[in-house]
Structure formats: C-alpha cells, structure tokens
C-alpha cells in the first residue's frame, strides 16, 4: 500500500517522479488517471493546496468526471485521494461543462474509490461539481463545491449521484447553485437518481434552488439524515419518487443560518 504526493507548486514536482517522496511529488493528476497508473487498491494520493487551483482539463461527459483513478480499489482497500495537510486543494475544469472529480463509467467502471478534503469551483456555465455514476462502494467526503448562477432548465448540480450501489456522501457542502430568474428545482446542491443503499449524511446545502433532489424512481434503501439546508428555495428533500421509500430523519431546514 503506497502513498503518493501531488503538489503543482513544488519546484521539484514532475510527473516523471516516482511520486512517493514529499520532496519530489507529482505535478498533475496524470499518473492517477492515465493508462498504466501505479495507483492501485489500497493506495493513497495526497494532494497539496496550492496558490492557484489545479486545472483538470476538459469535461464534456457527465458520466465521466475530468479526473478519476484509472484503476479500481477493492473491498476494504479503497483508492483514496485526500488533502495533504490541513487545507483543501482547489480544483476546477479548464473547459467543458461537466464534473471535475468523482467516479464514473470510464473502462473499467469505477468501484472502491474515495475522495476526501477537496474544494471544487464551478466557473462559467459548468453544470456539475463532483459526480458518482454507476459505481459501487465509493465515497465523497468533506468536499466543498462552489456553484454558479446562469440561465438553464437542465440538470445543474453541485453533486450528481446516479446509478450507484453502497455509496456515501458525507460531510460535504454544495452551495450557490442557482438558475437566473425564477428558482428552478433542477439547480440543486445534491441531485440523486436511481441509487441503491446511498447514504447522504452530515452535509450542507446552502443558497441553491433545491437542497437535495431525489429525482427518479428506481432507488431502494437510501438514507438522508442529519443534513442542514439553508436558503434553498425548494427546500431540502424534493422526493419526486416517494414510492422508493427513502429513510429521511433528523435533517434541519432553515431560511437563514
């Protein structure tokens, strides 16, 4: 089980480094996401906060974020990408409109991956922050997504979770995701479609058109608990599919906080 380091501000940083030394870290996420990546089950990648955001490249496919590990973890041995030190590294895509980080449908479909301690900017008309799509046993932890406001009626989400099994969204913040003009429930902090045993807990939705939007039928066993929603026009849990019987309890909804 190896630990790798990434710091674009380090003058010794290079993607040609082994990446296992704090004094000779990687420069970009290339060694995480490209074919032949050395990052495998049980490994950790620590990412340093830097003076400017990490630009992650293009993202035009909502099913695949700009950066995701090339390889899969395994049960009990996740691939973990985590902040290095106390401060969250800031990431954003450099072009396109879809998600920055997460786990998606890139071959192989992603399983057993954890992202923890990142901050994501959604500049311009970017429509997604962090995404989990059709994956299993993946976690988004302590992720802050800074949203945007523009004129759209399409899906526009800080977090998009779809088609997953046994995934967790925990201690995350989605904020400032709005449509111009009349508030639109499709502009959401957390957008949820067709998941099995998804847990969303200890999260905050702030200043979004809707807080947590459980949008489509097909979900089973989901739990939404102990979340805080403030200043979201359409409230916290918009249960478009109540027949899927999610468990919802101990959430706080407030117009101001």
C-alpha atoms as a PDB file:
ATOM      1  CA  UNK A   1       0.000   0.000   0.000  1.00  0.00           C
ATOM      2  CA  UNK A   2       1.789   3.104  -1.269  1.00  0.00           C
ATOM      3  CA  UNK A   3       1.306   6.813  -0.611  1.00  0.00           C
ATOM      4  CA  UNK A   4       1.842   9.248  -3.476  1.00  0.00           C
ATOM      5  CA  UNK A   5       2.151  13.047  -3.291  1.00  0.00           C
ATOM      6  CA  UNK A   6       0.980  15.762  -5.668  1.00  0.00           C
ATOM      7  CA  UNK A   7       1.971  19.452  -5.436  1.00  0.00           C
ATOM      8  CA  UNK A   8       1.976  21.659  -8.529  1.00  0.00           C
ATOM      9  CA  UNK A   9       3.774  24.471  -6.648  1.00  0.00           C
ATOM     10  CA  UNK A  10       6.793  22.389  -5.683  1.00  0.00           C
ATOM     11  CA  UNK A  11       9.728  23.317  -7.964  1.00  0.00           C
ATOM     12  CA  UNK A  12      10.807  19.675  -7.942  1.00  0.00           C
ATOM     13  CA  UNK A  13       7.379  18.387  -8.960  1.00  0.00           C
ATOM     14  CA  UNK A  14       7.246  16.273 -12.108  1.00  0.00           C
ATOM     15  CA  UNK A  15       5.023  13.553 -13.461  1.00  0.00           C
ATOM     16  CA  UNK A  16       8.275  11.744 -14.199  1.00  0.00           C
ATOM     17  CA  UNK A  17       8.933  11.373 -10.468  1.00  0.00           C
ATOM     18  CA  UNK A  18       8.045   8.201  -8.611  1.00  0.00           C
ATOM     19  CA  UNK A  19       5.700  10.402  -6.581  1.00  0.00           C
ATOM     20  CA  UNK A  20       6.327   8.587  -3.313  1.00  0.00           C
ATOM     21  CA  UNK A  21       8.516  11.335  -1.809  1.00  0.00           C
ATOM     22  CA  UNK A  22       7.126  14.595  -0.404  1.00  0.00           C
ATOM     23  CA  UNK A  23      10.204  16.385  -1.751  1.00  0.00           C
ATOM     24  CA  UNK A  24       9.710  15.033  -5.289  1.00  0.00           C
ATOM     25  CA  UNK A  25       5.919  14.904  -5.804  1.00  0.00           C
ATOM     26  CA  UNK A  26       3.878  14.626  -8.966  1.00  0.00           C
ATOM     27  CA  UNK A  27       2.943  17.793 -10.834  1.00  0.00           C
ATOM     28  CA  UNK A  28      -0.528  16.823 -12.138  1.00  0.00           C
ATOM     29  CA  UNK A  29      -3.137  14.064 -11.829  1.00  0.00           C
ATOM     30  CA  UNK A  30      -1.812  12.336 -14.961  1.00  0.00           C
ATOM     31  CA  UNK A  31      -0.287   9.417 -13.043  1.00  0.00           C
ATOM     32  CA  UNK A  32      -3.603   8.887 -11.270  1.00  0.00           C
ATOM     33  CA  UNK A  33      -5.853   8.818 -14.306  1.00  0.00           C
ATOM     34  CA  UNK A  34      -3.805   7.598 -17.278  1.00  0.00           C
ATOM     35  CA  UNK A  35      -3.366   4.055 -18.557  1.00  0.00           C
ATOM     36  CA  UNK A  36      -0.537   2.400 -16.657  1.00  0.00           C
ATOM     37  CA  UNK A  37      -1.227   4.321 -13.441  1.00  0.00           C
ATOM     38  CA  UNK A  38       0.744   2.912 -10.491  1.00  0.00           C
ATOM     39  CA  UNK A  39      -2.113   3.852  -8.106  1.00  0.00           C
ATOM     40  CA  UNK A  40      -3.881   0.610  -7.198  1.00  0.00           C
ATOM     41  CA  UNK A  41      -6.104  -0.824  -4.476  1.00  0.00           C
ATOM     42  CA  UNK A  42      -5.098   0.314  -1.006  1.00  0.00           C
ATOM     43  CA  UNK A  43      -3.022   3.256  -2.244  1.00  0.00           C
ATOM     44  CA  UNK A  44      -3.432   6.895  -1.197  1.00  0.00           C
ATOM     45  CA  UNK A  45      -2.742  10.077  -3.163  1.00  0.00           C
ATOM     46  CA  UNK A  46      -2.218  13.182  -1.019  1.00  0.00           C
ATOM     47  CA  UNK A  47      -2.820  16.483  -2.841  1.00  0.00           C
ATOM     48  CA  UNK A  48      -1.387  19.780  -1.588  1.00  0.00           C
ATOM     49  CA  UNK A  49      -3.303  23.051  -1.603  1.00  0.00           C
ATOM     50  CA  UNK A  50      -1.528  25.414  -3.998  1.00  0.00           C
ATOM     51  CA  UNK A  51      -1.570  29.123  -4.812  1.00  0.00           C
ATOM     52  CA  UNK A  52      -3.910  28.628  -7.767  1.00  0.00           C
ATOM     53  CA  UNK A  53      -6.461  25.887  -8.496  1.00  0.00           C
ATOM     54  CA  UNK A  54      -5.493  22.668 -10.211  1.00  0.00           C
ATOM     55  CA  UNK A  55      -6.914  22.870 -13.748  1.00  0.00           C
ATOM     56  CA  UNK A  56      -8.115  19.385 -14.546  1.00  0.00           C
ATOM     57  CA  UNK A  57      -8.635  19.630 -18.288  1.00  0.00           C
ATOM     58  CA  UNK A  58     -11.841  19.168 -20.248  1.00  0.00           C
ATOM     59  CA  UNK A  59     -15.048  17.510 -19.074  1.00  0.00           C
ATOM     60  CA  UNK A  60     -17.924  17.202 -21.548  1.00  0.00           C
ATOM     61  CA  UNK A  61     -19.362  13.841 -20.459  1.00  0.00           C
ATOM     62  CA  UNK A  62     -21.372  13.880 -17.231  1.00  0.00           C
ATOM     63  CA  UNK A  63     -20.794  10.131 -16.853  1.00  0.00           C
ATOM     64  CA  UNK A  64     -17.042  10.674 -16.566  1.00  0.00           C
ATOM     65  CA  UNK A  65     -15.547  13.487 -14.464  1.00  0.00           C
ATOM     66  CA  UNK A  66     -12.386  15.241 -15.608  1.00  0.00           C
ATOM     67  CA  UNK A  67     -10.294  13.245 -13.113  1.00  0.00           C
ATOM     68  CA  UNK A  68     -10.920   9.782 -11.729  1.00  0.00           C
ATOM     69  CA  UNK A  69      -8.481   6.997 -10.906  1.00  0.00           C
ATOM     70  CA  UNK A  70      -7.684   4.745 -13.836  1.00  0.00           C
ATOM     71  CA  UNK A  71      -7.739   1.648 -11.629  1.00  0.00           C
ATOM     72  CA  UNK A  72     -10.233   0.321  -9.120  1.00  0.00           C
ATOM     73  CA  UNK A  73      -9.769  -0.282  -5.454  1.00  0.00           C
ATOM     74  CA  UNK A  74     -11.119  -3.393  -3.799  1.00  0.00           C
ATOM     75  CA  UNK A  75     -13.373  -4.137  -0.840  1.00  0.00           C
ATOM     76  CA  UNK A  76     -11.579  -2.894   2.261  1.00  0.00           C
ATOM     77  CA  UNK A  77      -8.740  -1.438   0.154  1.00  0.00           C
ATOM     78  CA  UNK A  78     -10.027   1.749  -1.426  1.00  0.00           C
ATOM     79  CA  UNK A  79      -8.041   4.046  -3.671  1.00  0.00           C
ATOM     80  CA  UNK A  80      -8.094   7.275  -1.650  1.00  0.00           C
ATOM     81  CA  UNK A  81      -7.429  10.797  -2.880  1.00  0.00           C
ATOM     82  CA  UNK A  82      -7.136  13.146   0.073  1.00  0.00           C
ATOM     83  CA  UNK A  83      -5.908  16.607   1.023  1.00  0.00           C
ATOM     84  CA  UNK A  84      -2.260  16.808   2.053  1.00  0.00           C
ATOM     85  CA  UNK A  85      -2.174  18.722   5.331  1.00  0.00           C
ATOM     86  CA  UNK A  86      -4.972  20.830   6.797  1.00  0.00           C
ATOM     87  CA  UNK A  87      -6.068  22.872   3.761  1.00  0.00           C
ATOM     88  CA  UNK A  88      -8.290  21.715   0.919  1.00  0.00           C
ATOM     89  CA  UNK A  89      -6.738  21.765  -2.561  1.00  0.00           C
ATOM     90  CA  UNK A  90      -8.944  23.649  -5.042  1.00  0.00           C
ATOM     91  CA  UNK A  91      -9.735  22.033  -8.385  1.00  0.00           C
ATOM     92  CA  UNK A  92     -11.721  23.066 -11.464  1.00  0.00           C
ATOM     93  CA  UNK A  93     -12.094  22.005 -15.072  1.00  0.00           C
ATOM     94  CA  UNK A  94     -10.404  24.143 -17.709  1.00  0.00           C
ATOM     95  CA  UNK A  95     -13.012  23.583 -20.421  1.00  0.00           C
ATOM     96  CA  UNK A  96     -16.357  21.852 -20.921  1.00  0.00           C
ATOM     97  CA  UNK A  97     -19.346  21.917 -18.595  1.00  0.00           C
ATOM     98  CA  UNK A  98     -19.353  18.628 -16.652  1.00  0.00           C
ATOM     99  CA  UNK A  99     -17.895  17.322 -13.383  1.00  0.00           C
ATOM    100  CA  UNK A 100     -14.395  17.833 -12.000  1.00  0.00           C
ATOM    101  CA  UNK A 101     -13.806  14.793  -9.768  1.00  0.00           C
ATOM    102  CA  UNK A 102     -15.521  11.558  -8.791  1.00  0.00           C
ATOM    103  CA  UNK A 103     -16.014   8.098 -10.268  1.00  0.00           C
ATOM    104  CA  UNK A 104     -17.798   7.175 -13.482  1.00  0.00           C
ATOM    105  CA  UNK A 105     -18.113   4.864 -16.459  1.00  0.00           C
ATOM    106  CA  UNK A 106     -14.557   5.028 -17.768  1.00  0.00           C
ATOM    107  CA  UNK A 107     -13.433   1.457 -18.534  1.00  0.00           C
ATOM    108  CA  UNK A 108     -13.276  -0.214 -16.124  1.00  0.00           C
ATOM    109  CA  UNK A 109     -16.367   1.183 -14.399  1.00  0.00           C
ATOM    110  CA  UNK A 110     -15.157   2.615 -11.119  1.00  0.00           C
ATOM    111  CA  UNK A 111     -15.526   0.917  -7.738  1.00  0.00           C
ATOM    112  CA  UNK A 112     -13.980   1.286  -4.249  1.00  0.00           C
ATOM    113  CA  UNK A 113     -12.753   4.892  -4.580  1.00  0.00           C
ATOM    114  CA  UNK A 114     -12.754   7.716  -2.027  1.00  0.00           C
ATOM    115  CA  UNK A 115     -12.250  11.474  -2.488  1.00  0.00           C
ATOM    116  CA  UNK A 116     -11.763  13.473   0.721  1.00  0.00           C
ATOM    117  CA  UNK A 117     -10.960  17.082   1.548  1.00  0.00           C
ATOM    118  CA  UNK A 118     -11.212  18.870  -1.810  1.00  0.00           C
ATOM    119  CA  UNK A 119     -12.798  22.158  -2.901  1.00  0.00           C
ATOM    120  CA  UNK A 120     -14.303  22.446  -6.372  1.00  0.00           C
ATOM    121  CA  UNK A 121     -15.064  25.619  -8.314  1.00  0.00           C
ATOM    122  CA  UNK A 122     -17.804  25.638 -10.976  1.00  0.00           C
ATOM    123  CA  UNK A 123     -16.878  28.600 -13.220  1.00  0.00           C
ATOM    124  CA  UNK A 124     -18.972  29.946 -16.099  1.00  0.00           C
ATOM    125  CA  UNK A 125     -21.711  27.540 -17.197  1.00  0.00           C
ATOM    126  CA  UNK A 126     -20.227  24.369 -15.685  1.00  0.00           C
ATOM    127  CA  UNK A 127     -23.188  22.156 -14.697  1.00  0.00           C
ATOM    128  CA  UNK A 128     -21.581  19.628 -12.307  1.00  0.00           C
ATOM    129  CA  UNK A 129     -19.082  19.664  -9.452  1.00  0.00           C
ATOM    130  CA  UNK A 130     -18.498  16.137  -8.124  1.00  0.00           C
ATOM    131  CA  UNK A 131     -20.128  13.037  -9.611  1.00  0.00           C
ATOM    132  CA  UNK A 132     -20.579   9.376  -8.769  1.00  0.00           C
ATOM    133  CA  UNK A 133     -22.080   7.496 -11.730  1.00  0.00           C
ATOM    134  CA  UNK A 134     -22.853   3.741 -11.880  1.00  0.00           C
ATOM    135  CA  UNK A 135     -20.102   2.958  -9.367  1.00  0.00           C
ATOM    136  CA  UNK A 136     -20.136   0.988  -6.112  1.00  0.00           C
ATOM    137  CA  UNK A 137     -18.526   1.399  -2.681  1.00  0.00           C
ATOM    138  CA  UNK A 138     -17.357   4.940  -3.497  1.00  0.00           C
ATOM    139  CA  UNK A 139     -17.269   7.886  -1.103  1.00  0.00           C
ATOM    140  CA  UNK A 140     -17.280  11.664  -1.393  1.00  0.00           C
ATOM    141  CA  UNK A 141     -16.154  13.027   1.981  1.00  0.00           C
ATOM    142  CA  UNK A 142     -15.524  16.596   3.109  1.00  0.00           C
ATOM    143  CA  UNK A 143     -15.934  18.015  -0.403  1.00  0.00           C
ATOM    144  CA  UNK A 144     -16.964  21.665  -0.838  1.00  0.00           C
ATOM    145  CA  UNK A 145     -18.476  22.664  -4.193  1.00  0.00           C
ATOM    146  CA  UNK A 146     -18.752  26.362  -5.014  1.00  0.00           C
ATOM    147  CA  UNK A 147     -21.536  26.617  -7.579  1.00  0.00           C
ATOM    148  CA  UNK A 148     -22.649  29.210 -10.085  1.00  0.00           C
ATOM    149  CA  UNK A 149     -25.727  31.013 -11.394  1.00  0.00           C
ATOM    150  CA  UNK A 150     -26.808  31.068 -15.047  1.00  0.00           C
ATOM    151  CA  UNK A 151     -29.901  30.586 -17.181  1.00  0.00           C
ATOM    152  CA  UNK A 152     -30.657  26.891 -17.558  1.00  0.00           C
ATOM    153  CA  UNK A 153     -33.508  24.406 -17.186  1.00  0.00           C
ATOM    154  CA  UNK A 154     -31.194  21.387 -17.477  1.00  0.00           C
ATOM    155  CA  UNK A 155     -29.666  19.408 -14.616  1.00  0.00           C
ATOM    156  CA  UNK A 156     -27.332  21.746 -12.747  1.00  0.00           C
ATOM    157  CA  UNK A 157     -25.834  20.234  -9.611  1.00  0.00           C
ATOM    158  CA  UNK A 158     -23.020  20.619  -7.121  1.00  0.00           C
ATOM    159  CA  UNK A 159     -23.163  16.840  -6.566  1.00  0.00           C
ATOM    160  CA  UNK A 160     -24.659  14.338  -9.037  1.00  0.00           C
ATOM    161  CA  UNK A 161     -25.132  10.776  -7.739  1.00  0.00           C
ATOM    162  CA  UNK A 162     -26.679   8.311 -10.192  1.00  0.00           C
ATOM    163  CA  UNK A 163     -26.987   4.554 -10.572  1.00  0.00           C
ATOM    164  CA  UNK A 164     -24.682   3.759  -7.653  1.00  0.00           C
ATOM    165  CA  UNK A 165     -24.650   0.928  -5.124  1.00  0.00           C
ATOM    166  CA  UNK A 166     -23.480   1.265  -1.497  1.00  0.00           C
ATOM    167  CA  UNK A 167     -22.001   4.746  -1.912  1.00  0.00           C
ATOM    168  CA  UNK A 168     -21.609   7.511   0.685  1.00  0.00           C
ATOM    169  CA  UNK A 169     -21.758  11.312   0.515  1.00  0.00           C
ATOM    170  CA  UNK A 170     -20.632  12.606   3.893  1.00  0.00           C
ATOM    171  CA  UNK A 171     -19.636  15.955   5.435  1.00  0.00           C
ATOM    172  CA  UNK A 172     -19.950  17.696   2.067  1.00  0.00           C
ATOM    173  CA  UNK A 173     -21.126  21.208   1.159  1.00  0.00           C
ATOM    174  CA  UNK A 174     -22.941  22.248  -2.019  1.00  0.00           C
ATOM    175  CA  UNK A 175     -23.553  25.966  -2.287  1.00  0.00           C
ATOM    176  CA  UNK A 176     -24.635  28.736  -4.657  1.00  0.00           C
ATOM    177  CA  UNK A 177     -26.127  26.583  -7.420  1.00  0.00           C
ATOM    178  CA  UNK A 178     -28.924  28.653  -8.928  1.00  0.00           C
ATOM    179  CA  UNK A 179     -30.763  29.471 -12.119  1.00  0.00           C
ATOM    180  CA  UNK A 180     -31.191  33.108 -13.060  1.00  0.00           C
ATOM    181  CA  UNK A 181     -34.738  34.404 -12.665  1.00  0.00           C
ATOM    182  CA  UNK A 182     -37.355  32.095 -11.160  1.00  0.00           C
ATOM    183  CA  UNK A 183     -35.775  29.402  -8.942  1.00  0.00           C
ATOM    184  CA  UNK A 184     -35.685  26.032 -10.687  1.00  0.00           C
ATOM    185  CA  UNK A 185     -35.612  22.743  -8.802  1.00  0.00           C
ATOM    186  CA  UNK A 186     -33.145  21.271 -11.326  1.00  0.00           C
ATOM    187  CA  UNK A 187     -30.453  23.572  -9.910  1.00  0.00           C
ATOM    188  CA  UNK A 188     -29.572  21.522  -6.833  1.00  0.00           C
ATOM    189  CA  UNK A 189     -26.930  21.048  -4.209  1.00  0.00           C
ATOM    190  CA  UNK A 190     -27.392  17.255  -4.324  1.00  0.00           C
ATOM    191  CA  UNK A 191     -29.097  15.547  -7.305  1.00  0.00           C
ATOM    192  CA  UNK A 192     -29.917  11.866  -6.888  1.00  0.00           C
ATOM    193  CA  UNK A 193     -31.101   9.302  -9.465  1.00  0.00           C
ATOM    194  CA  UNK A 194     -31.697   5.541  -9.170  1.00  0.00           C
ATOM    195  CA  UNK A 195     -29.297   4.591  -6.387  1.00  0.00           C
ATOM    196  CA  UNK A 196     -29.227   1.533  -4.137  1.00  0.00           C
ATOM    197  CA  UNK A 197     -28.346   1.998  -0.450  1.00  0.00           C
ATOM    198  CA  UNK A 198     -26.973   5.522  -0.864  1.00  0.00           C
ATOM    199  CA  UNK A 199     -26.155   7.330   2.384  1.00  0.00           C
ATOM    200  CA  UNK A 200     -26.145  11.150   2.445  1.00  0.00           C
ATOM    201  CA  UNK A 201     -25.323  12.448   5.907  1.00  0.00           C
ATOM    202  CA  UNK A 202     -23.871  15.446   7.750  1.00  0.00           C
ATOM    203  CA  UNK A 203     -23.947  17.510   4.553  1.00  0.00           C
ATOM    204  CA  UNK A 204     -24.954  21.120   3.959  1.00  0.00           C
ATOM    205  CA  UNK A 205     -26.872  22.649   1.083  1.00  0.00           C
ATOM    206  CA  UNK A 206     -26.779  26.438   1.035  1.00  0.00           C
ATOM    207  CA  UNK A 207     -28.213  29.045  -1.335  1.00  0.00           C
ATOM    208  CA  UNK A 208     -29.320  26.580  -4.017  1.00  0.00           C
ATOM    209  CA  UNK A 209     -32.648  26.380  -5.836  1.00  0.00           C
ATOM    210  CA  UNK A 210     -33.218  22.964  -4.235  1.00  0.00           C
ATOM    211  CA  UNK A 211     -31.306  21.300  -1.453  1.00  0.00           C
ATOM    212  CA  UNK A 212     -31.475  17.553  -2.024  1.00  0.00           C
ATOM    213  CA  UNK A 213     -33.462  16.402  -5.059  1.00  0.00           C
ATOM    214  CA  UNK A 214     -34.265  12.683  -5.216  1.00  0.00           C
ATOM    215  CA  UNK A 215     -35.422  12.879  -8.800  1.00  0.00           C
ATOM    216  CA  UNK A 216     -36.070   9.475 -10.354  1.00  0.00           C
ATOM    217  CA  UNK A 217     -37.703   6.214  -9.424  1.00  0.00           C
ATOM    218  CA  UNK A 218     -35.629   3.068  -9.103  1.00  0.00           C
ATOM    219  CA  UNK A 219     -33.849   3.878  -5.843  1.00  0.00           C
ATOM    220  CA  UNK A 220     -34.002   1.498  -2.891  1.00  0.00           C
ATOM    221  CA  UNK A 221     -32.646   1.627   0.635  1.00  0.00           C
ATOM    222  CA  UNK A 222     -31.407   5.235   0.541  1.00  0.00           C
ATOM    223  CA  UNK A 223     -30.835   7.179   3.771  1.00  0.00           C
ATOM    224  CA  UNK A 224     -30.796  11.001   4.041  1.00  0.00           C
ATOM    225  CA  UNK A 225     -30.028  12.008   7.611  1.00  0.00           C
ATOM    226  CA  UNK A 226     -28.612  14.804   9.778  1.00  0.00           C
ATOM    227  CA  UNK A 227     -28.163  17.247   6.924  1.00  0.00           C
ATOM    228  CA  UNK A 228     -28.504  21.028   7.056  1.00  0.00           C
ATOM    229  CA  UNK A 229     -30.272  23.050   4.375  1.00  0.00           C
ATOM    230  CA  UNK A 230     -30.246  26.832   4.423  1.00  0.00           C
ATOM    231  CA  UNK A 231     -31.725  29.362   1.999  1.00  0.00           C
ATOM    232  CA  UNK A 232     -32.800  26.811  -0.610  1.00  0.00           C
ATOM    233  CA  UNK A 233     -35.987  27.911  -2.383  1.00  0.00           C
ATOM    234  CA  UNK A 234     -37.381  24.407  -2.966  1.00  0.00           C
ATOM    235  CA  UNK A 235     -36.378  23.167   0.451  1.00  0.00           C
ATOM    236  CA  UNK A 236     -34.389  20.143   1.467  1.00  0.00           C
ATOM    237  CA  UNK A 237     -35.709  16.858   0.212  1.00  0.00           C
ATOM    238  CA  UNK A 238     -37.677  17.037  -3.017  1.00  0.00           C
ATOM    239  CA  UNK A 239     -38.933  13.479  -3.169  1.00  0.00           C
ATOM    240  CA  UNK A 240     -40.117  13.081  -6.725  1.00  0.00           C
ATOM    241  CA  UNK A 241     -40.283   9.330  -6.163  1.00  0.00           C
ATOM    242  CA  UNK A 242     -41.619   8.730  -2.642  1.00  0.00           C
ATOM    243  CA  UNK A 243     -42.648   5.204  -3.570  1.00  0.00           C
ATOM    244  CA  UNK A 244     -38.956   4.289  -3.335  1.00  0.00           C
ATOM    245  CA  UNK A 245     -39.263   4.830   0.452  1.00  0.00           C
ATOM    246  CA  UNK A 246     -36.017   6.557   1.391  1.00  0.00           C
ATOM    247  CA  UNK A 247     -35.346   6.912   5.115  1.00  0.00           C
ATOM    248  CA  UNK A 248     -35.273  10.635   5.971  1.00  0.00           C
ATOM    249  CA  UNK A 249     -34.669  11.865   9.510  1.00  0.00           C
ATOM    250  CA  UNK A 250     -33.012  14.455  11.767  1.00  0.00           C
ATOM    251  CA  UNK A 251     -32.475  16.996   8.977  1.00  0.00           C
ATOM    252  CA  UNK A 252     -32.627  20.741   9.606  1.00  0.00           C
ATOM    253  CA  UNK A 253     -34.183  23.187   7.148  1.00  0.00           C
ATOM    254  CA  UNK A 254     -33.802  26.904   7.709  1.00  0.00           C
ATOM    255  CA  UNK A 255     -34.453  30.034   5.658  1.00  0.00           C
ATOM    256  CA  UNK A 256     -31.440  31.674   7.306  1.00  0.00           C
ATOM    257  CA  UNK A 257     -28.432  30.476   9.265  1.00  0.00           C
END
